[in-house]
Amino acid sequence: MEQIRLFSLLLAATAFLLLILGFYRPWVVLWWEDVQNRRKVLHIYGTIGMGAMLIYFLLGLF
């Protein structure tokens, strides 16, 4: 269980770093999309980061 908690923390940290990078240059983190904009960066990496942090904190309760 501790490995899953650590993985979710690392996933959240990576998502938030890519979120910051994507606000600067959206093309770098959304290279596969036809249209790259900051709104998509926030939607994709913000959702991943918040979901991973939620899993991290929920697993910390048990």
PDB file of N, CA and C in Angstrom:
ATOM      1  N   MET A   1       0.823  -1.190   0.000  1.00  0.00           N
ATOM      2  CA  MET A   1       0.000   0.000   0.000  1.00  0.00           C
ATOM      3  C   MET A   1       0.871   1.259   0.000  1.00  0.00           C
ATOM      4  N   GLU A   2       2.002   1.167   0.647  1.00  0.00           N
ATOM      5  CA  GLU A   2       2.901   2.327   0.714  1.00  0.00           C
ATOM      6  C   GLU A   2       3.494   2.652  -0.661  1.00  0.00           C
ATOM      7  N   GLN A   3       3.700   1.617  -1.497  1.00  0.00           N
ATOM      8  CA  GLN A   3       4.227   1.857  -2.835  1.00  0.00           C
ATOM      9  C   GLN A   3       3.218   2.607  -3.708  1.00  0.00           C
ATOM     10  N   ILE A   4       1.950   2.280  -3.560  1.00  0.00           N
ATOM     11  CA  ILE A   4       0.920   2.974  -4.324  1.00  0.00           C
ATOM     12  C   ILE A   4       0.833   4.422  -3.871  1.00  0.00           C
ATOM     13  N   ARG A   5       0.962   4.647  -2.582  1.00  0.00           N
ATOM     14  CA  ARG A   5       0.917   6.012  -2.053  1.00  0.00           C
ATOM     15  C   ARG A   5       2.106   6.828  -2.576  1.00  0.00           C
ATOM     16  N   LEU A   6       3.285   6.236  -2.586  1.00  0.00           N
ATOM     17  CA  LEU A   6       4.471   6.912  -3.107  1.00  0.00           C
ATOM     18  C   LEU A   6       4.329   7.175  -4.607  1.00  0.00           C
ATOM     19  N   PHE A   7       3.801   6.192  -5.354  1.00  0.00           N
ATOM     20  CA  PHE A   7       3.595   6.374  -6.791  1.00  0.00           C
ATOM     21  C   PHE A   7       2.632   7.522  -7.069  1.00  0.00           C
ATOM     22  N   SER A   8       1.552   7.616  -6.297  1.00  0.00           N
ATOM     23  CA  SER A   8       0.591   8.694  -6.523  1.00  0.00           C
ATOM     24  C   SER A   8       1.198  10.051  -6.180  1.00  0.00           C
ATOM     25  N   LEU A   9       2.067  10.106  -5.183  1.00  0.00           N
ATOM     26  CA  LEU A   9       2.749  11.354  -4.857  1.00  0.00           C
ATOM     27  C   LEU A   9       3.693  11.769  -5.990  1.00  0.00           C
ATOM     28  N   LEU A  10       4.441  10.828  -6.521  1.00  0.00           N
ATOM     29  CA  LEU A  10       5.347  11.129  -7.631  1.00  0.00           C
ATOM     30  C   LEU A  10       4.576  11.495  -8.900  1.00  0.00           C
ATOM     31  N   LEU A  11       3.452  10.846  -9.134  1.00  0.00           N
ATOM     32  CA  LEU A  11       2.616  11.183 -10.274  1.00  0.00           C
ATOM     33  C   LEU A  11       2.057  12.598 -10.148  1.00  0.00           C
ATOM     34  N   ALA A  12       1.628  12.965  -8.952  1.00  0.00           N
ATOM     35  CA  ALA A  12       1.106  14.315  -8.726  1.00  0.00           C
ATOM     36  C   ALA A  12       2.207  15.358  -8.911  1.00  0.00           C
ATOM     37  N   ALA A  13       3.390  15.091  -8.389  1.00  0.00           N
ATOM     38  CA  ALA A  13       4.497  16.034  -8.534  1.00  0.00           C
ATOM     39  C   ALA A  13       4.873  16.212 -10.004  1.00  0.00           C
ATOM     40  N   THR A  14       4.909  15.116 -10.746  1.00  0.00           N
ATOM     41  CA  THR A  14       5.226  15.193 -12.168  1.00  0.00           C
ATOM     42  C   THR A  14       4.146  15.955 -12.934  1.00  0.00           C
ATOM     43  N   ALA A  15       2.895  15.708 -12.601  1.00  0.00           N
ATOM     44  CA  ALA A  15       1.794  16.400 -13.276  1.00  0.00           C
ATOM     45  C   ALA A  15       1.841  17.898 -12.999  1.00  0.00           C
ATOM     46  N   PHE A  16       2.149  18.288 -11.775  1.00  0.00           N
ATOM     47  CA  PHE A  16       2.213  19.709 -11.461  1.00  0.00           C
ATOM     48  C   PHE A  16       3.419  20.384 -12.115  1.00  0.00           C
ATOM     49  N   LEU A  17       4.532  19.663 -12.247  1.00  0.00           N
ATOM     50  CA  LEU A  17       5.679  20.218 -12.970  1.00  0.00           C
ATOM     51  C   LEU A  17       5.361  20.397 -14.458  1.00  0.00           C
ATOM     52  N   LEU A  18       4.694  19.413 -15.041  1.00  0.00           N
ATOM     53  CA  LEU A  18       4.294  19.539 -16.440  1.00  0.00           C
ATOM     54  C   LEU A  18       3.232  20.613 -16.619  1.00  0.00           C
ATOM     55  N   LEU A  19       2.410  20.826 -15.609  1.00  0.00           N
ATOM     56  CA  LEU A  19       1.417  21.898 -15.650  1.00  0.00           C
ATOM     57  C   LEU A  19       2.097  23.258 -15.711  1.00  0.00           C
ATOM     58  N   ILE A  20       3.105  23.454 -14.902  1.00  0.00           N
ATOM     59  CA  ILE A  20       3.851  24.714 -14.905  1.00  0.00           C
ATOM     60  C   ILE A  20       4.569  24.906 -16.235  1.00  0.00           C
ATOM     61  N   LEU A  21       5.203  23.837 -16.721  1.00  0.00           N
ATOM     62  CA  LEU A  21       5.875  23.907 -18.016  1.00  0.00           C
ATOM     63  C   LEU A  21       4.877  24.176 -19.142  1.00  0.00           C
ATOM     64  N   GLY A  22       3.706  23.586 -19.049  1.00  0.00           N
ATOM     65  CA  GLY A  22       2.684  23.772 -20.068  1.00  0.00           C
ATOM     66  C   GLY A  22       2.093  25.164 -20.083  1.00  0.00           C
ATOM     67  N   PHE A  23       2.083  25.835 -18.952  1.00  0.00           N
ATOM     68  CA  PHE A  23       1.619  27.221 -18.946  1.00  0.00           C
ATOM     69  C   PHE A  23       2.608  28.119 -19.675  1.00  0.00           C
ATOM     70  N   TYR A  24       3.868  27.747 -19.646  1.00  0.00           N
ATOM     71  CA  TYR A  24       4.887  28.527 -20.350  1.00  0.00           C
ATOM     72  C   TYR A  24       4.876  28.216 -21.846  1.00  0.00           C
ATOM     73  N   ARG A  25       4.918  26.930 -22.182  1.00  0.00           N
ATOM     74  CA  ARG A  25       4.901  26.491 -23.583  1.00  0.00           C
ATOM     75  C   ARG A  25       3.984  25.268 -23.716  1.00  0.00           C
ATOM     76  N   PRO A  26       2.735  25.469 -24.083  1.00  0.00           N
ATOM     77  CA  PRO A  26       1.793  24.344 -24.184  1.00  0.00           C
ATOM     78  C   PRO A  26       2.203  23.291 -25.211  1.00  0.00           C
ATOM     79  N   TRP A  27       2.927  23.691 -26.244  1.00  0.00           N
ATOM     80  CA  TRP A  27       3.320  22.746 -27.281  1.00  0.00           C
ATOM     81  C   TRP A  27       4.201  21.627 -26.729  1.00  0.00           C
ATOM     82  N   VAL A  28       5.009  21.916 -25.733  1.00  0.00           N
ATOM     83  CA  VAL A  28       5.960  20.931 -25.197  1.00  0.00           C
ATOM     84  C   VAL A  28       5.234  19.766 -24.535  1.00  0.00           C
ATOM     85  N   VAL A  29       4.145  20.043 -23.829  1.00  0.00           N
ATOM     86  CA  VAL A  29       3.468  18.970 -23.093  1.00  0.00           C
ATOM     87  C   VAL A  29       2.237  18.434 -23.810  1.00  0.00           C
ATOM     88  N   LEU A  30       1.786  19.097 -24.859  1.00  0.00           N
ATOM     89  CA  LEU A  30       0.625  18.627 -25.634  1.00  0.00           C
ATOM     90  C   LEU A  30       1.009  18.415 -27.089  1.00  0.00           C
ATOM     91  N   TRP A  31       2.126  17.769 -27.357  1.00  0.00           N
ATOM     92  CA  TRP A  31       2.631  17.611 -28.707  1.00  0.00           C
ATOM     93  C   TRP A  31       1.735  16.726 -29.567  1.00  0.00           C
ATOM     94  N   TRP A  32       0.933  15.862 -28.965  1.00  0.00           N
ATOM     95  CA  TRP A  32       0.099  14.953 -29.729  1.00  0.00           C
ATOM     96  C   TRP A  32      -1.251  15.565 -30.130  1.00  0.00           C
ATOM     97  N   GLU A  33      -1.617  16.683 -29.539  1.00  0.00           N
ATOM     98  CA  GLU A  33      -2.894  17.331 -29.831  1.00  0.00           C
ATOM     99  C   GLU A  33      -2.787  18.213 -31.078  1.00  0.00           C
ATOM    100  N   ASP A  34      -3.908  18.394 -31.775  1.00  0.00           N
ATOM    101  CA  ASP A  34      -3.931  19.297 -32.926  1.00  0.00           C
ATOM    102  C   ASP A  34      -3.861  20.748 -32.479  1.00  0.00           C
ATOM    103  N   VAL A  35      -4.562  21.060 -31.407  1.00  0.00           N
ATOM    104  CA  VAL A  35      -4.585  22.416 -30.872  1.00  0.00           C
ATOM    105  C   VAL A  35      -3.998  22.364 -29.468  1.00  0.00           C
ATOM    106  N   GLN A  36      -2.947  23.140 -29.241  1.00  0.00           N
ATOM    107  CA  GLN A  36      -2.322  23.187 -27.923  1.00  0.00           C
ATOM    108  C   GLN A  36      -2.601  24.556 -27.309  1.00  0.00           C
ATOM    109  N   ASN A  37      -3.289  24.563 -26.183  1.00  0.00           N
ATOM    110  CA  ASN A  37      -3.502  25.817 -25.475  1.00  0.00           C
ATOM    111  C   ASN A  37      -3.441  25.584 -23.969  1.00  0.00           C
ATOM    112  N   ARG A  38      -3.397  26.662 -23.227  1.00  0.00           N
ATOM    113  CA  ARG A  38      -3.219  26.567 -21.781  1.00  0.00           C
ATOM    114  C   ARG A  38      -4.433  25.958 -21.088  1.00  0.00           C
ATOM    115  N   ARG A  39      -5.591  26.115 -21.685  1.00  0.00           N
ATOM    116  CA  ARG A  39      -6.802  25.541 -21.100  1.00  0.00           C
ATOM    117  C   ARG A  39      -6.748  24.018 -21.116  1.00  0.00           C
ATOM    118  N   LYS A  40      -6.262  23.437 -22.209  1.00  0.00           N
ATOM    119  CA  LYS A  40      -6.123  21.989 -22.287  1.00  0.00           C
ATOM    120  C   LYS A  40      -5.054  21.490 -21.318  1.00  0.00           C
ATOM    121  N   VAL A  41      -3.979  22.256 -21.180  1.00  0.00           N
ATOM    122  CA  VAL A  41      -2.927  21.889 -20.227  1.00  0.00           C
ATOM    123  C   VAL A  41      -3.508  21.831 -18.823  1.00  0.00           C
ATOM    124  N   LEU A  42      -4.269  22.836 -18.456  1.00  0.00           N
ATOM    125  CA  LEU A  42      -4.882  22.868 -17.129  1.00  0.00           C
ATOM    126  C   LEU A  42      -5.867  21.716 -16.954  1.00  0.00           C
ATOM    127  N   HIS A  43      -6.632  21.436 -17.972  1.00  0.00           N
ATOM    128  CA  HIS A  43      -7.619  20.362 -17.877  1.00  0.00           C
ATOM    129  C   HIS A  43      -6.951  18.995 -17.712  1.00  0.00           C
ATOM    130  N   ILE A  44      -5.974  18.700 -18.537  1.00  0.00           N
ATOM    131  CA  ILE A  44      -5.353  17.371 -18.516  1.00  0.00           C
ATOM    132  C   ILE A  44      -4.468  17.189 -17.293  1.00  0.00           C
ATOM    133  N   TYR A  45      -3.477  18.057 -17.142  1.00  0.00           N
ATOM    134  CA  TYR A  45      -2.503  17.868 -16.070  1.00  0.00           C
ATOM    135  C   TYR A  45      -3.032  18.307 -14.711  1.00  0.00           C
ATOM    136  N   GLY A  46      -3.959  19.230 -14.687  1.00  0.00           N
ATOM    137  CA  GLY A  46      -4.588  19.605 -13.421  1.00  0.00           C
ATOM    138  C   GLY A  46      -5.446  18.483 -12.871  1.00  0.00           C
ATOM    139  N   THR A  47      -6.185  17.823 -13.761  1.00  0.00           N
ATOM    140  CA  THR A  47      -7.014  16.698 -13.341  1.00  0.00           C
ATOM    141  C   THR A  47      -6.160  15.534 -12.848  1.00  0.00           C
ATOM    142  N   ILE A  48      -5.113  15.225 -13.575  1.00  0.00           N
ATOM    143  CA  ILE A  48      -4.224  14.134 -13.160  1.00  0.00           C
ATOM    144  C   ILE A  48      -3.575  14.453 -11.817  1.00  0.00           C
ATOM    145  N   GLY A  49      -3.081  15.682 -11.667  1.00  0.00           N
ATOM    146  CA  GLY A  49      -2.427  16.067 -10.420  1.00  0.00           C
ATOM    147  C   GLY A  49      -3.360  16.054  -9.236  1.00  0.00           C
ATOM    148  N   MET A  50      -4.563  16.595  -9.407  1.00  0.00           N
ATOM    149  CA  MET A  50      -5.513  16.620  -8.296  1.00  0.00           C
ATOM    150  C   MET A  50      -6.010  15.210  -7.950  1.00  0.00           C
ATOM    151  N   GLY A  51      -6.226  14.379  -8.963  1.00  0.00           N
ATOM    152  CA  GLY A  51      -6.644  13.003  -8.705  1.00  0.00           C
ATOM    153  C   GLY A  51      -5.579  12.208  -7.976  1.00  0.00           C
ATOM    154  N   ALA A  52      -4.336  12.387  -8.377  1.00  0.00           N
ATOM    155  CA  ALA A  52      -3.236  11.674  -7.709  1.00  0.00           C
ATOM    156  C   ALA A  52      -3.057  12.169  -6.272  1.00  0.00           C
ATOM    157  N   MET A  53      -3.218  13.466  -6.040  1.00  0.00           N
ATOM    158  CA  MET A  53      -3.114  13.974  -4.669  1.00  0.00           C
ATOM    159  C   MET A  53      -4.266  13.465  -3.804  1.00  0.00           C
ATOM    160  N   LEU A  54      -5.439  13.353  -4.375  1.00  0.00           N
ATOM    161  CA  LEU A  54      -6.579  12.815  -3.639  1.00  0.00           C
ATOM    162  C   LEU A  54      -6.320  11.365  -3.232  1.00  0.00           C
ATOM    163  N   ILE A  55      -5.797  10.566  -4.152  1.00  0.00           N
ATOM    164  CA  ILE A  55      -5.451   9.173  -3.836  1.00  0.00           C
ATOM    165  C   ILE A  55      -4.387   9.132  -2.755  1.00  0.00           C
ATOM    166  N   TYR A  56      -3.379   9.990  -2.850  1.00  0.00           N
ATOM    167  CA  TYR A  56      -2.307  10.038  -1.858  1.00  0.00           C
ATOM    168  C   TYR A  56      -2.864  10.310  -0.458  1.00  0.00           C
ATOM    169  N   PHE A  57      -3.726  11.307  -0.349  1.00  0.00           N
ATOM    170  CA  PHE A  57      -4.264  11.661   0.967  1.00  0.00           C
ATOM    171  C   PHE A  57      -5.265  10.630   1.470  1.00  0.00           C
ATOM    172  N   LEU A  58      -6.050  10.039   0.585  1.00  0.00           N
ATOM    173  CA  LEU A  58      -6.987   9.006   1.031  1.00  0.00           C
ATOM    174  C   LEU A  58      -6.264   7.750   1.516  1.00  0.00           C
ATOM    175  N   LEU A  59      -5.176   7.390   0.858  1.00  0.00           N
ATOM    176  CA  LEU A  59      -4.415   6.236   1.326  1.00  0.00           C
ATOM    177  C   LEU A  59      -3.672   6.535   2.624  1.00  0.00           C
ATOM    178  N   GLY A  60      -3.425   7.779   2.903  1.00  0.00           N
ATOM    179  CA  GLY A  60      -2.774   8.156   4.147  1.00  0.00           C
ATOM    180  C   GLY A  60      -3.684   7.988   5.355  1.00  0.00           C
ATOM    181  N   LEU A  61      -4.979   7.961   5.115  1.00  0.00           N
ATOM    182  CA  LEU A  61      -5.927   7.800   6.207  1.00  0.00           C
ATOM    183  C   LEU A  61      -5.988   6.376   6.731  1.00  0.00           C
ATOM    184  N   PHE A  62      -5.604   5.407   5.879  1.00  0.00           N
ATOM    185  CA  PHE A  62      -5.699   4.006   6.288  1.00  0.00           C
ATOM    186  C   PHE A  62      -4.423   3.469   6.826  1.00  0.00           C
TER     187      PHE A  62
END
